[in-house]
Amino acid sequence: GAGAKAEAQVAADQQRADTLVAQYKTEHDAYAVLSASNYGLDGASNGEAPTGGADAALVPVIRQCVAEVSWQYCSAELKRTGKAEAYCNVLQNCYAHDFEPEECRPATCPLNERGCDFASICMHPEILEEYMAETAQTAPAAAGAAGEAGAAAAAGTRSEE
């Protein structure tokens, strides 16, 4: 029935996330890196990387990745456990407002260990390259394709395997 189908989907999502983490997990807290760069908001984007922060050009890319990956994690957790972590409840609003609200910019990863491991893939060079390629393509047709590629990459279906 539908329940079994939903459970199978949750298991598949979980497996994809685990595969991405196994392949691309880093020792970096992507949220701490963003925090050190003030999440790319004014005052930190003068072209110089603040101490412990990322290169200014990378910050929006990392932020985009962290938002998407964290959202996937939150959705999966909600399906799996039926409840969301506190940060998951504000994440959509944060994304809509470019992380400007104070509650959107934690100094360190606000998720549990599993979520933080998943967010850490945003600091992996290969993942960052994919996001860079996506944001670099600004033509509408290319953006559509990049969006689909990004969705596929985010879903864990990697074309070069």
C-alpha atoms as a PDB file:
ATOM      1  CA  GLY A   1       0.000   0.000   0.000  1.00  0.00           C
ATOM      2  CA  ALA A   2       0.872   3.677   0.124  1.00  0.00           C
ATOM      3  CA  GLY A   3       2.471   3.319   3.554  1.00  0.00           C
ATOM      4  CA  ALA A   4       4.959   0.726   2.338  1.00  0.00           C
ATOM      5  CA  LYS A   5       5.701   2.870  -0.701  1.00  0.00           C
ATOM      6  CA  ALA A   6       6.387   5.915   1.494  1.00  0.00           C
ATOM      7  CA  GLU A   7       8.638   3.835   3.742  1.00  0.00           C
ATOM      8  CA  ALA A   8      10.547   2.546   0.738  1.00  0.00           C
ATOM      9  CA  GLN A   9      11.014   6.157  -0.423  1.00  0.00           C
ATOM     10  CA  VAL A  10      12.308   7.198   2.991  1.00  0.00           C
ATOM     11  CA  ALA A  11      14.732   4.274   2.946  1.00  0.00           C
ATOM     12  CA  ALA A  12      15.911   5.217  -0.559  1.00  0.00           C
ATOM     13  CA  ASP A  13      16.402   8.876   0.458  1.00  0.00           C
ATOM     14  CA  GLN A  14      18.275   7.747   3.549  1.00  0.00           C
ATOM     15  CA  GLN A  15      20.513   5.513   1.479  1.00  0.00           C
ATOM     16  CA  ARG A  16      21.324   8.327  -0.964  1.00  0.00           C
ATOM     17  CA  ALA A  17      22.177  10.670   1.897  1.00  0.00           C
ATOM     18  CA  ASP A  18      24.382   8.003   3.491  1.00  0.00           C
ATOM     19  CA  THR A  19      26.137   7.434   0.168  1.00  0.00           C
ATOM     20  CA  LEU A  20      26.817  11.154  -0.275  1.00  0.00           C
ATOM     21  CA  VAL A  21      28.093  11.414   3.291  1.00  0.00           C
ATOM     22  CA  ALA A  22      30.293   8.347   2.865  1.00  0.00           C
ATOM     23  CA  GLN A  23      31.753   9.794  -0.326  1.00  0.00           C
ATOM     24  CA  TYR A  24      31.995  13.500   0.458  1.00  0.00           C
ATOM     25  CA  LYS A  25      31.890  14.057   4.217  1.00  0.00           C
ATOM     26  CA  THR A  26      34.526  16.535   5.392  1.00  0.00           C
ATOM     27  CA  GLU A  27      35.830  17.505   8.806  1.00  0.00           C
ATOM     28  CA  HIS A  28      34.536  21.041   8.296  1.00  0.00           C
ATOM     29  CA  ASP A  29      31.464  22.534   9.900  1.00  0.00           C
ATOM     30  CA  ALA A  30      29.985  24.331   6.890  1.00  0.00           C
ATOM     31  CA  TYR A  31      27.871  26.461   9.223  1.00  0.00           C
ATOM     32  CA  ALA A  32      30.959  27.629  11.159  1.00  0.00           C
ATOM     33  CA  VAL A  33      32.639  28.579   7.876  1.00  0.00           C
ATOM     34  CA  LEU A  34      29.540  30.548   6.857  1.00  0.00           C
ATOM     35  CA  SER A  35      29.361  32.166  10.274  1.00  0.00           C
ATOM     36  CA  ALA A  36      32.990  33.293  10.044  1.00  0.00           C
ATOM     37  CA  SER A  37      32.058  34.933   6.744  1.00  0.00           C
ATOM     38  CA  ASN A  38      28.841  36.414   8.165  1.00  0.00           C
ATOM     39  CA  TYR A  39      26.898  34.142   5.785  1.00  0.00           C
ATOM     40  CA  GLY A  40      27.997  36.354   2.899  1.00  0.00           C
ATOM     41  CA  LEU A  41      25.935  39.283   4.122  1.00  0.00           C
ATOM     42  CA  ASP A  42      27.203  42.858   4.004  1.00  0.00           C
ATOM     43  CA  GLY A  43      30.280  43.580   6.000  1.00  0.00           C
ATOM     44  CA  ALA A  44      32.052  40.364   5.121  1.00  0.00           C
ATOM     45  CA  SER A  45      32.082  40.481   1.334  1.00  0.00           C
ATOM     46  CA  ASN A  46      34.928  42.934   0.719  1.00  0.00           C
ATOM     47  CA  GLY A  47      36.802  40.321  -1.270  1.00  0.00           C
ATOM     48  CA  GLU A  48      39.017  39.341   1.639  1.00  0.00           C
ATOM     49  CA  ALA A  49      38.359  36.144   3.484  1.00  0.00           C
ATOM     50  CA  PRO A  50      37.796  36.809   7.181  1.00  0.00           C
ATOM     51  CA  THR A  51      39.805  34.627   9.546  1.00  0.00           C
ATOM     52  CA  GLY A  52      38.414  31.137   9.382  1.00  0.00           C
ATOM     53  CA  GLY A  53      35.964  32.172   6.694  1.00  0.00           C
ATOM     54  CA  ALA A  54      35.788  31.107   3.089  1.00  0.00           C
ATOM     55  CA  ASP A  55      36.848  33.018   0.021  1.00  0.00           C
ATOM     56  CA  ALA A  56      34.156  35.697  -0.491  1.00  0.00           C
ATOM     57  CA  ALA A  57      33.229  34.312  -3.912  1.00  0.00           C
ATOM     58  CA  LEU A  58      32.577  30.882  -2.417  1.00  0.00           C
ATOM     59  CA  VAL A  59      30.335  31.995   0.423  1.00  0.00           C
ATOM     60  CA  PRO A  60      27.088  32.270  -1.608  1.00  0.00           C
ATOM     61  CA  VAL A  61      27.863  28.888  -3.169  1.00  0.00           C
ATOM     62  CA  ILE A  62      28.442  27.245   0.222  1.00  0.00           C
ATOM     63  CA  ARG A  63      25.303  28.925   1.557  1.00  0.00           C
ATOM     64  CA  GLN A  64      23.206  27.601  -1.323  1.00  0.00           C
ATOM     65  CA  CYS A  65      24.576  24.091  -0.823  1.00  0.00           C
ATOM     66  CA  VAL A  66      24.090  24.172   2.955  1.00  0.00           C
ATOM     67  CA  ALA A  67      20.510  25.373   2.540  1.00  0.00           C
ATOM     68  CA  GLU A  68      19.652  22.637   0.035  1.00  0.00           C
ATOM     69  CA  VAL A  69      21.445  19.820   1.827  1.00  0.00           C
ATOM     70  CA  SER A  70      20.060  20.838   5.238  1.00  0.00           C
ATOM     71  CA  TRP A  71      16.572  21.029   3.763  1.00  0.00           C
ATOM     72  CA  GLN A  72      16.926  17.517   2.337  1.00  0.00           C
ATOM     73  CA  TYR A  73      18.116  16.280   5.693  1.00  0.00           C
ATOM     74  CA  CYS A  74      15.226  18.013   7.497  1.00  0.00           C
ATOM     75  CA  SER A  75      12.655  16.591   5.087  1.00  0.00           C
ATOM     76  CA  ALA A  76      14.084  13.098   5.428  1.00  0.00           C
ATOM     77  CA  GLU A  77      14.134  13.342   9.239  1.00  0.00           C
ATOM     78  CA  LEU A  78      10.550  14.562   9.301  1.00  0.00           C
ATOM     79  CA  LYS A  79       9.443  11.633   7.141  1.00  0.00           C
ATOM     80  CA  ARG A  80      11.503   9.190   9.188  1.00  0.00           C
ATOM     81  CA  THR A  81      10.711  10.340  12.727  1.00  0.00           C
ATOM     82  CA  GLY A  82       7.616  12.493  12.295  1.00  0.00           C
ATOM     83  CA  LYS A  83       9.258  15.441  14.018  1.00  0.00           C
ATOM     84  CA  ALA A  84      11.612  18.186  12.920  1.00  0.00           C
ATOM     85  CA  GLU A  85      14.629  19.661  14.682  1.00  0.00           C
ATOM     86  CA  ALA A  86      14.230  23.298  15.757  1.00  0.00           C
ATOM     87  CA  TYR A  87      16.426  24.698  12.988  1.00  0.00           C
ATOM     88  CA  CYS A  88      14.460  22.762  10.376  1.00  0.00           C
ATOM     89  CA  ASN A  89      11.421  24.809  11.330  1.00  0.00           C
ATOM     90  CA  VAL A  90      13.104  28.121  10.444  1.00  0.00           C
ATOM     91  CA  LEU A  91      15.168  26.905   7.493  1.00  0.00           C
ATOM     92  CA  GLN A  92      12.621  27.599   4.754  1.00  0.00           C
ATOM     93  CA  ASN A  93      12.101  31.139   6.021  1.00  0.00           C
ATOM     94  CA  CYS A  94      15.882  31.608   6.238  1.00  0.00           C
ATOM     95  CA  TYR A  95      16.326  30.502   2.651  1.00  0.00           C
ATOM     96  CA  ALA A  96      13.563  32.853   1.489  1.00  0.00           C
ATOM     97  CA  HIS A  97      15.250  35.786   3.260  1.00  0.00           C
ATOM     98  CA  ASP A  98      18.853  35.032   2.279  1.00  0.00           C
ATOM     99  CA  PHE A  99      19.748  34.054   5.851  1.00  0.00           C
ATOM    100  CA  GLU A 100      19.380  37.636   7.064  1.00  0.00           C
ATOM    101  CA  PRO A 101      17.323  36.894  10.219  1.00  0.00           C
ATOM    102  CA  GLU A 102      19.570  36.345  13.224  1.00  0.00           C
ATOM    103  CA  GLU A 103      18.083  32.888  13.957  1.00  0.00           C
ATOM    104  CA  CYS A 104      19.211  31.802  10.483  1.00  0.00           C
ATOM    105  CA  ARG A 105      22.916  32.275  11.139  1.00  0.00           C
ATOM    106  CA  PRO A 106      24.039  29.857  13.842  1.00  0.00           C
ATOM    107  CA  ALA A 107      27.738  29.984  14.732  1.00  0.00           C
ATOM    108  CA  THR A 108      28.011  26.213  14.378  1.00  0.00           C
ATOM    109  CA  CYS A 109      25.916  23.474  12.852  1.00  0.00           C
ATOM    110  CA  PRO A 110      22.488  23.517  14.531  1.00  0.00           C
ATOM    111  CA  LEU A 111      21.507  20.021  13.432  1.00  0.00           C
ATOM    112  CA  ASN A 112      22.243  16.696  15.060  1.00  0.00           C
ATOM    113  CA  GLU A 113      25.401  14.803  14.105  1.00  0.00           C
ATOM    114  CA  ARG A 114      23.813  13.114  11.111  1.00  0.00           C
ATOM    115  CA  GLY A 115      22.587  16.437   9.717  1.00  0.00           C
ATOM    116  CA  CYS A 116      25.942  18.103  10.327  1.00  0.00           C
ATOM    117  CA  ASP A 117      27.783  15.273   8.580  1.00  0.00           C
ATOM    118  CA  PHE A 118      25.462  15.759   5.621  1.00  0.00           C
ATOM    119  CA  ALA A 119      25.984  19.563   5.608  1.00  0.00           C
ATOM    120  CA  SER A 120      29.757  19.035   5.712  1.00  0.00           C
ATOM    121  CA  ILE A 121      29.683  17.712   2.139  1.00  0.00           C
ATOM    122  CA  CYS A 122      29.236  21.372   1.122  1.00  0.00           C
ATOM    123  CA  MET A 123      32.906  21.914   1.982  1.00  0.00           C
ATOM    124  CA  HIS A 124      34.082  19.129  -0.348  1.00  0.00           C
ATOM    125  CA  PRO A 125      35.836  20.532  -3.450  1.00  0.00           C
ATOM    126  CA  GLU A 126      33.905  18.295  -5.867  1.00  0.00           C
ATOM    127  CA  ILE A 127      30.533  19.294  -4.416  1.00  0.00           C
ATOM    128  CA  LEU A 128      31.546  22.973  -4.459  1.00  0.00           C
ATOM    129  CA  GLU A 129      32.629  22.629  -8.082  1.00  0.00           C
ATOM    130  CA  GLU A 130      29.199  21.286  -9.016  1.00  0.00           C
ATOM    131  CA  TYR A 131      27.502  24.191  -7.274  1.00  0.00           C
ATOM    132  CA  MET A 132      29.920  26.683  -8.882  1.00  0.00           C
ATOM    133  CA  ALA A 133      29.137  25.252 -12.307  1.00  0.00           C
ATOM    134  CA  GLU A 134      25.435  25.573 -11.570  1.00  0.00           C
ATOM    135  CA  THR A 135      25.602  29.187 -10.457  1.00  0.00           C
ATOM    136  CA  ALA A 136      27.925  30.114 -13.330  1.00  0.00           C
ATOM    137  CA  GLN A 137      25.330  29.132 -15.915  1.00  0.00           C
ATOM    138  CA  THR A 138      23.056  32.135 -16.073  1.00  0.00           C
ATOM    139  CA  ALA A 139      21.360  31.617 -19.450  1.00  0.00           C
ATOM    140  CA  PRO A 140      17.727  30.565 -18.823  1.00  0.00           C
ATOM    141  CA  ALA A 141      18.032  27.323 -20.804  1.00  0.00           C
ATOM    142  CA  ALA A 142      21.296  26.438 -19.104  1.00  0.00           C
ATOM    143  CA  ALA A 143      19.869  27.374 -15.717  1.00  0.00           C
ATOM    144  CA  GLY A 144      17.023  24.917 -16.249  1.00  0.00           C
ATOM    145  CA  ALA A 145      19.434  22.154 -17.145  1.00  0.00           C
ATOM    146  CA  ALA A 146      21.726  23.058 -14.260  1.00  0.00           C
ATOM    147  CA  GLY A 147      18.748  23.056 -11.951  1.00  0.00           C
ATOM    148  CA  GLU A 148      17.847  19.567 -13.031  1.00  0.00           C
ATOM    149  CA  ALA A 149      21.462  18.452 -12.791  1.00  0.00           C
ATOM    150  CA  GLY A 150      21.640  20.051  -9.365  1.00  0.00           C
ATOM    151  CA  ALA A 151      18.458  18.316  -8.273  1.00  0.00           C
ATOM    152  CA  ALA A 152      19.852  15.027  -9.550  1.00  0.00           C
ATOM    153  CA  ALA A 153      23.179  15.649  -7.820  1.00  0.00           C
ATOM    154  CA  ALA A 154      21.382  16.666  -4.646  1.00  0.00           C
ATOM    155  CA  ALA A 155      19.269  13.536  -4.859  1.00  0.00           C
ATOM    156  CA  GLY A 156      22.476  11.551  -5.010  1.00  0.00           C
ATOM    157  CA  THR A 157      22.207  10.334  -8.572  1.00  0.00           C
ATOM    158  CA  ARG A 158      25.639  11.095  -9.909  1.00  0.00           C
ATOM    159  CA  SER A 159      26.049  10.995 -13.661  1.00  0.00           C
ATOM    160  CA  GLU A 160      29.740  10.164 -13.769  1.00  0.00           C
ATOM    161  CA  GLU A 161      29.541   6.824 -11.976  1.00  0.00           C
END
